[in-house]
Amino acid sequence: MAANNQQTAIKATYFSIISNAAMALIKGLTGYFGNSYAIIADAIESTADIFSSLLVLFGLKYTNRPADKNHPYGHGRAEPLITFLVVGFLISSAILIAHESIINIRTPHDLPKPYTLFILGAIIIWKEYSYRRVLKKSVETNSSSLKADAWHHRSDAVTSVAAFIGISVALIMGKGYESADDWAALFASAFIMYNSYLIFRPALGEIMDEHVYDELILEIRNVAGKVEGITGTEKCFIRKAGMKYHVELHASVNPNISVLAGHELAHKLKDTLRNEIPELGHVLIHIEPGNNGN
């Protein structure tokens, strides 16, 4: 299952890289010849997305290395670090777009070309499709960096929508409204900054072992309750690393059984949990004495 998740995530990342490269080229040419900085700003973001997707690809391959002597829990914690770098690319592109937009707002220029709207319409549909496709894969694989990559597509779609609106206003209103698409690019940069926070916050929680896994804990308790010999569960701690969830579970057993029997029950519970919930990684079972006679 882990290998399948990794391959699914890697394929989704290759899709992002190819899509972003194509979008950067199409937008760059359209913005340059169509006289629209909003589309050029969009191309800048798509170019930054290429490098961020390459980072995600590297992170996915690195985080799925097997555990070793120096990394007994594996290399999964590299994934949120990669997410931080991806967010850095987003913020950098937003700042660059905002800076150039302000300069263009203050500089007189010609109206955008009408045909840019048709190209933007096609781009918006494609980027929204890309967002939904990659986001679905991020949910399937429990990958925070792939989720960040998906949001790059959504940000790209929104900046294209902003450019579409800005160019439409400029063309409809005519002379005196040439900077409408520059204002659209400025708005897009603000949206990118907001999305950067939405991507950054969960990754920070993952690094800090924030408790946000109540549903998974409930599922773990339900599975444990079906294991013969386990009379109940107490503490349950979860920490996410890459695509895996590492678990520490305190389970109750009959206090009159032998240490050997308790040890065997712990292994039985561990194996059952990992078979029933494939996304679990390292599972530590601590045996507690239950009520006498249970």
C-alpha atoms as a PDB file:
ATOM      1  CA  MET A   1       0.000   0.000   0.000  1.00  0.00           C
ATOM      2  CA  ALA A   2       2.807   2.425   0.888  1.00  0.00           C
ATOM      3  CA  ALA A   3       4.540   1.730  -2.420  1.00  0.00           C
ATOM      4  CA  ASN A   4       1.260   2.259  -4.302  1.00  0.00           C
ATOM      5  CA  ASN A   5       0.680   5.572  -2.522  1.00  0.00           C
ATOM      6  CA  GLN A   6       4.172   6.722  -3.380  1.00  0.00           C
ATOM      7  CA  GLN A   7       3.749   5.860  -7.060  1.00  0.00           C
ATOM      8  CA  THR A   8       0.345   7.570  -7.144  1.00  0.00           C
ATOM      9  CA  ALA A   9       1.794  10.735  -5.608  1.00  0.00           C
ATOM     10  CA  ILE A  10       4.827  10.715  -7.916  1.00  0.00           C
ATOM     11  CA  LYS A  11       2.654  10.328 -11.025  1.00  0.00           C
ATOM     12  CA  ALA A  12       0.485  13.241  -9.843  1.00  0.00           C
ATOM     13  CA  THR A  13       3.612  15.361  -9.391  1.00  0.00           C
ATOM     14  CA  TYR A  14       4.873  14.557 -12.905  1.00  0.00           C
ATOM     15  CA  PHE A  15       1.461  15.636 -14.163  1.00  0.00           C
ATOM     16  CA  SER A  16       1.882  18.948 -12.301  1.00  0.00           C
ATOM     17  CA  ILE A  17       5.367  19.548 -13.693  1.00  0.00           C
ATOM     18  CA  ILE A  18       4.279  18.980 -17.310  1.00  0.00           C
ATOM     19  CA  SER A  19       1.102  21.037 -16.849  1.00  0.00           C
ATOM     20  CA  ASN A  20       2.927  23.954 -15.215  1.00  0.00           C
ATOM     21  CA  ALA A  21       5.613  23.997 -17.908  1.00  0.00           C
ATOM     22  CA  ALA A  22       2.983  24.112 -20.655  1.00  0.00           C
ATOM     23  CA  MET A  23       0.989  26.814 -18.847  1.00  0.00           C
ATOM     24  CA  ALA A  24       4.072  28.971 -18.248  1.00  0.00           C
ATOM     25  CA  LEU A  25       4.917  28.888 -21.962  1.00  0.00           C
ATOM     26  CA  ILE A  26       1.358  29.548 -23.165  1.00  0.00           C
ATOM     27  CA  LYS A  27       0.763  32.360 -20.660  1.00  0.00           C
ATOM     28  CA  GLY A  28       4.124  33.980 -21.302  1.00  0.00           C
ATOM     29  CA  LEU A  29       3.557  34.139 -25.047  1.00  0.00           C
ATOM     30  CA  THR A  30      -0.071  35.218 -24.653  1.00  0.00           C
ATOM     31  CA  GLY A  31       0.776  37.950 -22.154  1.00  0.00           C
ATOM     32  CA  TYR A  32       3.679  39.292 -24.198  1.00  0.00           C
ATOM     33  CA  PHE A  33       1.926  39.408 -27.570  1.00  0.00           C
ATOM     34  CA  GLY A  34      -1.492  40.153 -26.046  1.00  0.00           C
ATOM     35  CA  ASN A  35      -0.184  43.137 -24.048  1.00  0.00           C
ATOM     36  CA  SER A  36      -1.406  41.904 -20.647  1.00  0.00           C
ATOM     37  CA  TYR A  37       0.762  42.010 -17.541  1.00  0.00           C
ATOM     38  CA  ALA A  38      -1.902  40.085 -15.597  1.00  0.00           C
ATOM     39  CA  ILE A  39      -1.245  37.096 -17.867  1.00  0.00           C
ATOM     40  CA  ILE A  40       2.519  37.624 -17.659  1.00  0.00           C
ATOM     41  CA  ALA A  41       2.165  37.632 -13.855  1.00  0.00           C
ATOM     42  CA  ASP A  42       0.223  34.398 -14.202  1.00  0.00           C
ATOM     43  CA  ALA A  43       3.099  32.978 -16.258  1.00  0.00           C
ATOM     44  CA  ILE A  44       5.554  33.967 -13.508  1.00  0.00           C
ATOM     45  CA  GLU A  45       3.520  31.999 -10.988  1.00  0.00           C
ATOM     46  CA  SER A  46       3.364  28.973 -13.286  1.00  0.00           C
ATOM     47  CA  THR A  47       7.148  29.119 -13.702  1.00  0.00           C
ATOM     48  CA  ALA A  48       7.579  29.163  -9.922  1.00  0.00           C
ATOM     49  CA  ASP A  49       5.162  26.223  -9.763  1.00  0.00           C
ATOM     50  CA  ILE A  50       7.487  24.158 -11.963  1.00  0.00           C
ATOM     51  CA  PHE A  51      10.287  24.438  -9.403  1.00  0.00           C
ATOM     52  CA  SER A  52       7.946  23.853  -6.461  1.00  0.00           C
ATOM     53  CA  SER A  53       6.607  20.687  -8.136  1.00  0.00           C
ATOM     54  CA  LEU A  54      10.185  19.498  -8.635  1.00  0.00           C
ATOM     55  CA  LEU A  55      10.724  20.035  -4.899  1.00  0.00           C
ATOM     56  CA  VAL A  56       7.598  18.024  -4.143  1.00  0.00           C
ATOM     57  CA  LEU A  57       8.856  15.227  -6.397  1.00  0.00           C
ATOM     58  CA  PHE A  58      12.192  15.159  -4.577  1.00  0.00           C
ATOM     59  CA  GLY A  59      10.425  15.205  -1.216  1.00  0.00           C
ATOM     60  CA  LEU A  60       8.115  12.324  -2.111  1.00  0.00           C
ATOM     61  CA  LYS A  61      11.025  10.162  -3.200  1.00  0.00           C
ATOM     62  CA  TYR A  62      13.118  11.055  -0.150  1.00  0.00           C
ATOM     63  CA  THR A  63      10.383  10.720   2.486  1.00  0.00           C
ATOM     64  CA  ASN A  64       9.559   7.181   1.392  1.00  0.00           C
ATOM     65  CA  ARG A  65      13.032   5.846   2.030  1.00  0.00           C
ATOM     66  CA  PRO A  66      12.868   2.978   4.546  1.00  0.00           C
ATOM     67  CA  ALA A  67      13.748   3.527   8.200  1.00  0.00           C
ATOM     68  CA  ASP A  68      17.419   3.144   9.068  1.00  0.00           C
ATOM     69  CA  LYS A  69      19.693   3.343  12.110  1.00  0.00           C
ATOM     70  CA  ASN A  70      19.721   7.154  12.166  1.00  0.00           C
ATOM     71  CA  HIS A  71      16.048   7.514  11.213  1.00  0.00           C
ATOM     72  CA  PRO A  72      14.109   4.764  13.051  1.00  0.00           C
ATOM     73  CA  TYR A  73      10.774   6.447  12.210  1.00  0.00           C
ATOM     74  CA  GLY A  74      11.683   6.828   8.550  1.00  0.00           C
ATOM     75  CA  HIS A  75      12.226  10.050   6.588  1.00  0.00           C
ATOM     76  CA  GLY A  76       8.629  11.280   6.472  1.00  0.00           C
ATOM     77  CA  ARG A  77       9.266  14.513   8.353  1.00  0.00           C
ATOM     78  CA  ALA A  78      11.067  15.852   5.287  1.00  0.00           C
ATOM     79  CA  GLU A  79       7.685  16.274   3.596  1.00  0.00           C
ATOM     80  CA  PRO A  80       6.413  19.234   5.658  1.00  0.00           C
ATOM     81  CA  LEU A  81       9.845  20.812   5.264  1.00  0.00           C
ATOM     82  CA  ILE A  82       9.411  20.531   1.503  1.00  0.00           C
ATOM     83  CA  THR A  83       5.949  22.063   1.949  1.00  0.00           C
ATOM     84  CA  PHE A  84       7.576  25.064   3.663  1.00  0.00           C
ATOM     85  CA  LEU A  85       9.855  25.504   0.657  1.00  0.00           C
ATOM     86  CA  VAL A  86       6.882  25.270  -1.701  1.00  0.00           C
ATOM     87  CA  VAL A  87       5.126  27.965   0.329  1.00  0.00           C
ATOM     88  CA  GLY A  88       8.289  30.048   0.019  1.00  0.00           C
ATOM     89  CA  PHE A  89       8.017  29.827  -3.772  1.00  0.00           C
ATOM     90  CA  LEU A  90       4.379  30.908  -3.586  1.00  0.00           C
ATOM     91  CA  ILE A  91       5.147  33.906  -1.386  1.00  0.00           C
ATOM     92  CA  SER A  92       8.085  34.941  -3.563  1.00  0.00           C
ATOM     93  CA  SER A  93       5.968  34.827  -6.722  1.00  0.00           C
ATOM     94  CA  ALA A  94       3.189  36.789  -4.984  1.00  0.00           C
ATOM     95  CA  ILE A  95       5.623  39.522  -3.937  1.00  0.00           C
ATOM     96  CA  LEU A  96       7.120  39.705  -7.448  1.00  0.00           C
ATOM     97  CA  ILE A  97       3.663  39.909  -9.037  1.00  0.00           C
ATOM     98  CA  ALA A  98       2.534  42.621  -6.600  1.00  0.00           C
ATOM     99  CA  HIS A  99       5.702  44.669  -7.212  1.00  0.00           C
ATOM    100  CA  GLU A 100       5.412  44.510 -10.985  1.00  0.00           C
ATOM    101  CA  SER A 101       1.666  45.184 -10.862  1.00  0.00           C
ATOM    102  CA  ILE A 102       2.174  48.413  -8.914  1.00  0.00           C
ATOM    103  CA  ILE A 103       4.824  49.556 -11.406  1.00  0.00           C
ATOM    104  CA  ASN A 104       2.510  48.809 -14.349  1.00  0.00           C
ATOM    105  CA  ILE A 105      -0.453  50.557 -12.722  1.00  0.00           C
ATOM    106  CA  ARG A 106       1.631  53.731 -12.611  1.00  0.00           C
ATOM    107  CA  THR A 107       2.924  53.309 -16.180  1.00  0.00           C
ATOM    108  CA  PRO A 108       0.654  54.140 -19.178  1.00  0.00           C
ATOM    109  CA  HIS A 109       0.266  51.260 -21.642  1.00  0.00           C
ATOM    110  CA  ASP A 110      -2.018  49.939 -24.375  1.00  0.00           C
ATOM    111  CA  LEU A 111      -5.175  47.878 -23.886  1.00  0.00           C
ATOM    112  CA  PRO A 112      -4.849  44.071 -23.837  1.00  0.00           C
ATOM    113  CA  LYS A 113      -5.777  42.148 -26.987  1.00  0.00           C
ATOM    114  CA  PRO A 114      -9.317  40.636 -27.049  1.00  0.00           C
ATOM    115  CA  TYR A 115      -8.139  37.145 -28.028  1.00  0.00           C
ATOM    116  CA  THR A 116      -6.402  36.792 -24.644  1.00  0.00           C
ATOM    117  CA  LEU A 117      -9.815  36.176 -23.066  1.00  0.00           C
ATOM    118  CA  PHE A 118     -10.380  32.989 -25.084  1.00  0.00           C
ATOM    119  CA  ILE A 119      -6.982  31.616 -24.113  1.00  0.00           C
ATOM    120  CA  LEU A 120      -7.582  32.519 -20.456  1.00  0.00           C
ATOM    121  CA  GLY A 121     -10.942  30.756 -20.493  1.00  0.00           C
ATOM    122  CA  ALA A 122      -9.308  27.514 -21.611  1.00  0.00           C
ATOM    123  CA  ILE A 123      -6.510  27.934 -19.044  1.00  0.00           C
ATOM    124  CA  ILE A 124      -8.996  28.440 -16.176  1.00  0.00           C
ATOM    125  CA  ILE A 125     -10.852  25.228 -17.024  1.00  0.00           C
ATOM    126  CA  TRP A 126      -7.600  23.247 -17.295  1.00  0.00           C
ATOM    127  CA  LYS A 127      -6.136  24.567 -14.019  1.00  0.00           C
ATOM    128  CA  GLU A 128      -9.324  23.850 -12.073  1.00  0.00           C
ATOM    129  CA  TYR A 129      -9.301  20.313 -13.464  1.00  0.00           C
ATOM    130  CA  SER A 130      -5.628  19.994 -12.479  1.00  0.00           C
ATOM    131  CA  TYR A 131      -6.405  21.214  -8.951  1.00  0.00           C
ATOM    132  CA  ARG A 132      -9.166  18.666  -8.450  1.00  0.00           C
ATOM    133  CA  ARG A 133      -7.087  15.834  -9.884  1.00  0.00           C
ATOM    134  CA  VAL A 134      -3.993  16.477  -7.751  1.00  0.00           C
ATOM    135  CA  LEU A 135      -6.042  17.226  -4.606  1.00  0.00           C
ATOM    136  CA  LYS A 136      -7.810  13.881  -4.970  1.00  0.00           C
ATOM    137  CA  LYS A 137      -4.433  12.135  -5.160  1.00  0.00           C
ATOM    138  CA  SER A 138      -3.185  14.053  -2.091  1.00  0.00           C
ATOM    139  CA  VAL A 139      -6.172  12.785  -0.083  1.00  0.00           C
ATOM    140  CA  GLU A 140      -5.631   9.227  -1.297  1.00  0.00           C
ATOM    141  CA  THR A 141      -1.945   9.289  -0.307  1.00  0.00           C
ATOM    142  CA  ASN A 142      -2.134  11.478   2.855  1.00  0.00           C
ATOM    143  CA  SER A 143       0.529  13.756   1.342  1.00  0.00           C
ATOM    144  CA  SER A 144       0.715  17.326   2.670  1.00  0.00           C
ATOM    145  CA  SER A 145       3.249  18.404   0.033  1.00  0.00           C
ATOM    146  CA  LEU A 146       1.049  17.032  -2.761  1.00  0.00           C
ATOM    147  CA  LYS A 147      -1.859  18.985  -1.264  1.00  0.00           C
ATOM    148  CA  ALA A 148       0.310  22.108  -1.413  1.00  0.00           C
ATOM    149  CA  ASP A 149       1.032  21.295  -5.045  1.00  0.00           C
ATOM    150  CA  ALA A 150      -2.705  20.991  -5.703  1.00  0.00           C
ATOM    151  CA  TRP A 151      -3.301  24.419  -4.209  1.00  0.00           C
ATOM    152  CA  HIS A 152      -0.733  25.815  -6.632  1.00  0.00           C
ATOM    153  CA  HIS A 153      -3.125  24.789  -9.406  1.00  0.00           C
ATOM    154  CA  ARG A 154      -6.073  26.435  -7.636  1.00  0.00           C
ATOM    155  CA  SER A 155      -4.049  29.632  -7.081  1.00  0.00           C
ATOM    156  CA  ASP A 156      -3.131  29.567 -10.744  1.00  0.00           C
ATOM    157  CA  ALA A 157      -6.790  29.219 -11.695  1.00  0.00           C
ATOM    158  CA  VAL A 158      -7.773  32.160  -9.487  1.00  0.00           C
ATOM    159  CA  THR A 159      -5.042  34.413 -10.881  1.00  0.00           C
ATOM    160  CA  SER A 160      -6.285  33.510 -14.361  1.00  0.00           C
ATOM    161  CA  VAL A 161      -9.850  34.393 -13.329  1.00  0.00           C
ATOM    162  CA  ALA A 162      -8.600  37.709 -11.972  1.00  0.00           C
ATOM    163  CA  ALA A 163      -6.752  38.357 -15.233  1.00  0.00           C
ATOM    164  CA  PHE A 164      -9.902  37.455 -17.192  1.00  0.00           C
ATOM    165  CA  ILE A 165     -11.984  39.943 -15.202  1.00  0.00           C
ATOM    166  CA  GLY A 166      -9.325  42.651 -15.420  1.00  0.00           C
ATOM    167  CA  ILE A 167      -8.898  42.295 -19.166  1.00  0.00           C
ATOM    168  CA  SER A 168     -12.686  42.225 -19.655  1.00  0.00           C
ATOM    169  CA  VAL A 169     -13.066  45.481 -17.708  1.00  0.00           C
ATOM    170  CA  ALA A 170     -10.242  47.108 -19.679  1.00  0.00           C
ATOM    171  CA  LEU A 171     -11.717  46.071 -23.033  1.00  0.00           C
ATOM    172  CA  ILE A 172     -15.312  47.002 -22.171  1.00  0.00           C
ATOM    173  CA  MET A 173     -14.515  50.347 -20.543  1.00  0.00           C
ATOM    174  CA  GLY A 174     -11.827  51.256 -23.064  1.00  0.00           C
ATOM    175  CA  LYS A 175      -9.323  54.103 -22.815  1.00  0.00           C
ATOM    176  CA  GLY A 176      -8.503  55.114 -19.265  1.00  0.00           C
ATOM    177  CA  TYR A 177      -8.991  51.564 -17.919  1.00  0.00           C
ATOM    178  CA  GLU A 178      -5.823  50.045 -19.365  1.00  0.00           C
ATOM    179  CA  SER A 179      -4.526  49.230 -15.878  1.00  0.00           C
ATOM    180  CA  ALA A 180      -7.559  47.106 -14.941  1.00  0.00           C
ATOM    181  CA  ASP A 181      -5.689  43.884 -15.632  1.00  0.00           C
ATOM    182  CA  ASP A 182      -2.758  45.162 -13.523  1.00  0.00           C
ATOM    183  CA  TRP A 183      -5.138  45.655 -10.616  1.00  0.00           C
ATOM    184  CA  ALA A 184      -6.357  42.117 -11.262  1.00  0.00           C
ATOM    185  CA  ALA A 185      -2.775  40.845 -10.979  1.00  0.00           C
ATOM    186  CA  LEU A 186      -2.384  42.758  -7.700  1.00  0.00           C
ATOM    187  CA  PHE A 187      -5.537  41.108  -6.348  1.00  0.00           C
ATOM    188  CA  ALA A 188      -4.224  37.728  -7.462  1.00  0.00           C
ATOM    189  CA  SER A 189      -0.998  38.262  -5.514  1.00  0.00           C
ATOM    190  CA  ALA A 190      -3.036  38.876  -2.340  1.00  0.00           C
ATOM    191  CA  PHE A 191      -4.970  35.663  -2.935  1.00  0.00           C
ATOM    192  CA  ILE A 192      -1.733  33.736  -3.407  1.00  0.00           C
ATOM    193  CA  MET A 193      -0.464  35.052  -0.069  1.00  0.00           C
ATOM    194  CA  TYR A 194      -3.673  33.927   1.641  1.00  0.00           C
ATOM    195  CA  ASN A 195      -3.409  30.456   0.114  1.00  0.00           C
ATOM    196  CA  SER A 196       0.208  30.292   1.251  1.00  0.00           C
ATOM    197  CA  TYR A 197      -0.983  30.553   4.831  1.00  0.00           C
ATOM    198  CA  LEU A 198      -3.618  27.842   4.293  1.00  0.00           C
ATOM    199  CA  ILE A 199      -0.901  25.499   3.009  1.00  0.00           C
ATOM    200  CA  PHE A 200       1.662  26.463   5.648  1.00  0.00           C
ATOM    201  CA  ARG A 201      -0.585  26.002   8.698  1.00  0.00           C
ATOM    202  CA  PRO A 202      -1.240  22.207   8.419  1.00  0.00           C
ATOM    203  CA  ALA A 203       2.432  21.526   7.636  1.00  0.00           C
ATOM    204  CA  LEU A 204       3.425  23.457  10.763  1.00  0.00           C
ATOM    205  CA  GLY A 205       0.946  21.405  12.786  1.00  0.00           C
ATOM    206  CA  GLU A 206       2.524  18.228  11.422  1.00  0.00           C
ATOM    207  CA  ILE A 207       6.009  19.330  12.457  1.00  0.00           C
ATOM    208  CA  MET A 208       4.721  20.298  15.929  1.00  0.00           C
ATOM    209  CA  ASP A 209       2.794  17.003  16.408  1.00  0.00           C
ATOM    210  CA  GLU A 210      -0.465  18.907  16.715  1.00  0.00           C
ATOM    211  CA  HIS A 211      -3.453  16.790  17.798  1.00  0.00           C
ATOM    212  CA  VAL A 212      -5.839  16.798  14.824  1.00  0.00           C
ATOM    213  CA  TYR A 213      -6.544  13.075  14.355  1.00  0.00           C
ATOM    214  CA  ASP A 214      -9.709  12.389  16.384  1.00  0.00           C
ATOM    215  CA  GLU A 215     -11.351  10.375  13.594  1.00  0.00           C
ATOM    216  CA  LEU A 216      -8.303   8.163  13.169  1.00  0.00           C
ATOM    217  CA  ILE A 217      -8.090   7.622  16.937  1.00  0.00           C
ATOM    218  CA  LEU A 218     -11.729   6.516  16.957  1.00  0.00           C
ATOM    219  CA  GLU A 219     -11.037   4.085  14.119  1.00  0.00           C
ATOM    220  CA  ILE A 220      -8.002   2.694  15.980  1.00  0.00           C
ATOM    221  CA  ARG A 221     -10.079   2.161  19.137  1.00  0.00           C
ATOM    222  CA  ASN A 222     -12.829   0.418  17.154  1.00  0.00           C
ATOM    223  CA  VAL A 223     -10.346  -1.963  15.512  1.00  0.00           C
ATOM    224  CA  ALA A 224      -8.624  -2.648  18.856  1.00  0.00           C
ATOM    225  CA  GLY A 225     -11.970  -3.490  20.442  1.00  0.00           C
ATOM    226  CA  LYS A 226     -12.436  -6.347  17.976  1.00  0.00           C
ATOM    227  CA  VAL A 227      -9.169  -8.067  18.943  1.00  0.00           C
ATOM    228  CA  GLU A 228      -9.844 -10.997  21.254  1.00  0.00           C
ATOM    229  CA  GLY A 229      -8.104 -10.489  24.596  1.00  0.00           C
ATOM    230  CA  ILE A 230      -8.030  -6.680  24.423  1.00  0.00           C
ATOM    231  CA  THR A 231     -10.508  -5.403  27.021  1.00  0.00           C
ATOM    232  CA  GLY A 232     -10.191  -1.707  26.255  1.00  0.00           C
ATOM    233  CA  THR A 233      -7.946   1.164  25.206  1.00  0.00           C
ATOM    234  CA  GLU A 234      -6.660   4.169  27.107  1.00  0.00           C
ATOM    235  CA  LYS A 235      -4.167   6.755  25.806  1.00  0.00           C
ATOM    236  CA  CYS A 236      -3.705   7.017  22.060  1.00  0.00           C
ATOM    237  CA  PHE A 237      -1.148   9.405  20.554  1.00  0.00           C
ATOM    238  CA  ILE A 238      -0.643   9.976  16.834  1.00  0.00           C
ATOM    239  CA  ARG A 239       2.051  11.819  14.920  1.00  0.00           C
ATOM    240  CA  LYS A 240       2.128  12.142  11.137  1.00  0.00           C
ATOM    241  CA  ALA A 241       5.340  11.782   9.140  1.00  0.00           C
ATOM    242  CA  GLY A 242       5.062  11.878   5.369  1.00  0.00           C
ATOM    243  CA  MET A 243       2.247   9.601   4.261  1.00  0.00           C
ATOM    244  CA  LYS A 244       2.293   7.518   7.457  1.00  0.00           C
ATOM    245  CA  TYR A 245       0.769   7.912  10.918  1.00  0.00           C
ATOM    246  CA  HIS A 246       2.867   6.677  13.854  1.00  0.00           C
ATOM    247  CA  VAL A 247       0.794   5.485  16.815  1.00  0.00           C
ATOM    248  CA  GLU A 248       1.321   4.946  20.529  1.00  0.00           C
ATOM    249  CA  LEU A 249      -1.611   3.055  22.052  1.00  0.00           C
ATOM    250  CA  HIS A 250      -2.234   1.941  25.638  1.00  0.00           C
ATOM    251  CA  ALA A 251      -4.389  -1.218  25.622  1.00  0.00           C
ATOM    252  CA  SER A 252      -5.974  -3.016  28.577  1.00  0.00           C
ATOM    253  CA  VAL A 253      -5.862  -6.795  29.085  1.00  0.00           C
ATOM    254  CA  ASN A 254      -6.824  -9.255  31.807  1.00  0.00           C
ATOM    255  CA  PRO A 255      -4.351  -8.540  34.659  1.00  0.00           C
ATOM    256  CA  ASN A 256      -4.100 -12.250  35.502  1.00  0.00           C
ATOM    257  CA  ILE A 257      -2.505 -13.362  32.236  1.00  0.00           C
ATOM    258  CA  SER A 258       1.242 -13.960  31.956  1.00  0.00           C
ATOM    259  CA  VAL A 259       3.751 -11.448  30.653  1.00  0.00           C
ATOM    260  CA  LEU A 260       4.260 -13.697  27.630  1.00  0.00           C
ATOM    261  CA  ALA A 261       0.527 -13.740  26.883  1.00  0.00           C
ATOM    262  CA  GLY A 262       0.383  -9.954  27.192  1.00  0.00           C
ATOM    263  CA  HIS A 263       3.359  -9.644  24.865  1.00  0.00           C
ATOM    264  CA  GLU A 264       1.665 -11.863  22.283  1.00  0.00           C
ATOM    265  CA  LEU A 265      -1.559  -9.845  22.551  1.00  0.00           C
ATOM    266  CA  ALA A 266       0.393  -6.644  21.922  1.00  0.00           C
ATOM    267  CA  HIS A 267       1.840  -8.105  18.721  1.00  0.00           C
ATOM    268  CA  LYS A 268      -1.577  -9.400  17.671  1.00  0.00           C
ATOM    269  CA  LEU A 269      -3.096  -5.948  18.194  1.00  0.00           C
ATOM    270  CA  LYS A 270      -0.252  -4.237  16.339  1.00  0.00           C
ATOM    271  CA  ASP A 271      -0.563  -6.575  13.352  1.00  0.00           C
ATOM    272  CA  THR A 272      -4.345  -6.186  13.261  1.00  0.00           C
ATOM    273  CA  LEU A 273      -4.138  -2.388  13.312  1.00  0.00           C
ATOM    274  CA  ARG A 274      -1.586  -2.271  10.508  1.00  0.00           C
ATOM    275  CA  ASN A 275      -3.615  -4.719   8.396  1.00  0.00           C
ATOM    276  CA  GLU A 276      -6.927  -2.906   8.949  1.00  0.00           C
ATOM    277  CA  ILE A 277      -5.507   0.630   8.644  1.00  0.00           C
ATOM    278  CA  PRO A 278      -2.713   0.495   5.989  1.00  0.00           C
ATOM    279  CA  GLU A 279      -1.712   4.162   6.452  1.00  0.00           C
ATOM    280  CA  LEU A 280      -0.322   3.390   9.909  1.00  0.00           C
ATOM    281  CA  GLY A 281       3.459   3.278  10.185  1.00  0.00           C
ATOM    282  CA  HIS A 282       5.249   2.565  13.465  1.00  0.00           C
ATOM    283  CA  VAL A 283       2.804   1.216  16.075  1.00  0.00           C
ATOM    284  CA  LEU A 284       3.830   1.005  19.739  1.00  0.00           C
ATOM    285  CA  ILE A 285       1.484  -0.931  22.042  1.00  0.00           C
ATOM    286  CA  HIS A 286       1.698  -0.430  25.811  1.00  0.00           C
ATOM    287  CA  ILE A 287      -0.162  -3.111  27.785  1.00  0.00           C
ATOM    288  CA  GLU A 288      -2.173  -1.977  30.831  1.00  0.00           C
ATOM    289  CA  PRO A 289      -3.877  -4.190  33.452  1.00  0.00           C
ATOM    290  CA  GLY A 290      -7.639  -4.100  32.978  1.00  0.00           C
ATOM    291  CA  ASN A 291     -10.361  -4.938  35.498  1.00  0.00           C
ATOM    292  CA  ASN A 292      -9.791  -8.180  37.352  1.00  0.00           C
ATOM    293  CA  GLY A 293     -11.449 -11.123  35.687  1.00  0.00           C
ATOM    294  CA  ASN A 294     -12.093  -9.394  32.321  1.00  0.00           C
END
